Amino acid sequence: MKQMETNEIRQEKIPFEPISVSKKVFLIFAVVLLIGIIGFLSFGHTLTGHIFAHVGGLGILGLFAGLSGIIARGKNYNYHKTFLLSFLLPIMLGLLVVGLVFLSQGIVYCGGSVSLAVAIIILIIVLFRKRKK
């Protein structure tokens, strides 16, 4: 009986529910995007400004990946696998395009457009996936 009373007291001390993983991911990548935007606006078209622009791009990709994970979880798929695939695949393909353009033409190219397009395509695929039973 005494054990039951202490458990009830412990439960009353927590006034809020823990934040879910998906909400934490959205919050983290929203902050990363905000840092990227503020940094780019602060430093303009300098090397530091372009670094902050890429940080903001990672924030956008993270938000798309988080959204893909939430949609996948609603369709009974694994949130973490979908999130990782939706985050890492666009980055890797963007880097691949940057490397191929540099090797073929000798110029440095930003792969952000490729990464964004791949992230949107993955989001659309996840949206139209059938519900897993």
Foldseek 3Di string as FASTA:
>chain_A
DVVVVVVVVVVVVDPDDDDDPLVVLLVVLVVQLVQLVVQLVVPPPDPSNVVSVVSNLLSVQSNLLSLLLVLLVVLVHHSVVSSCCSRPVLVVVLVVVQVVCCVVPVDGDGSSVSSVVSSVVSSVCSNPDHRDD
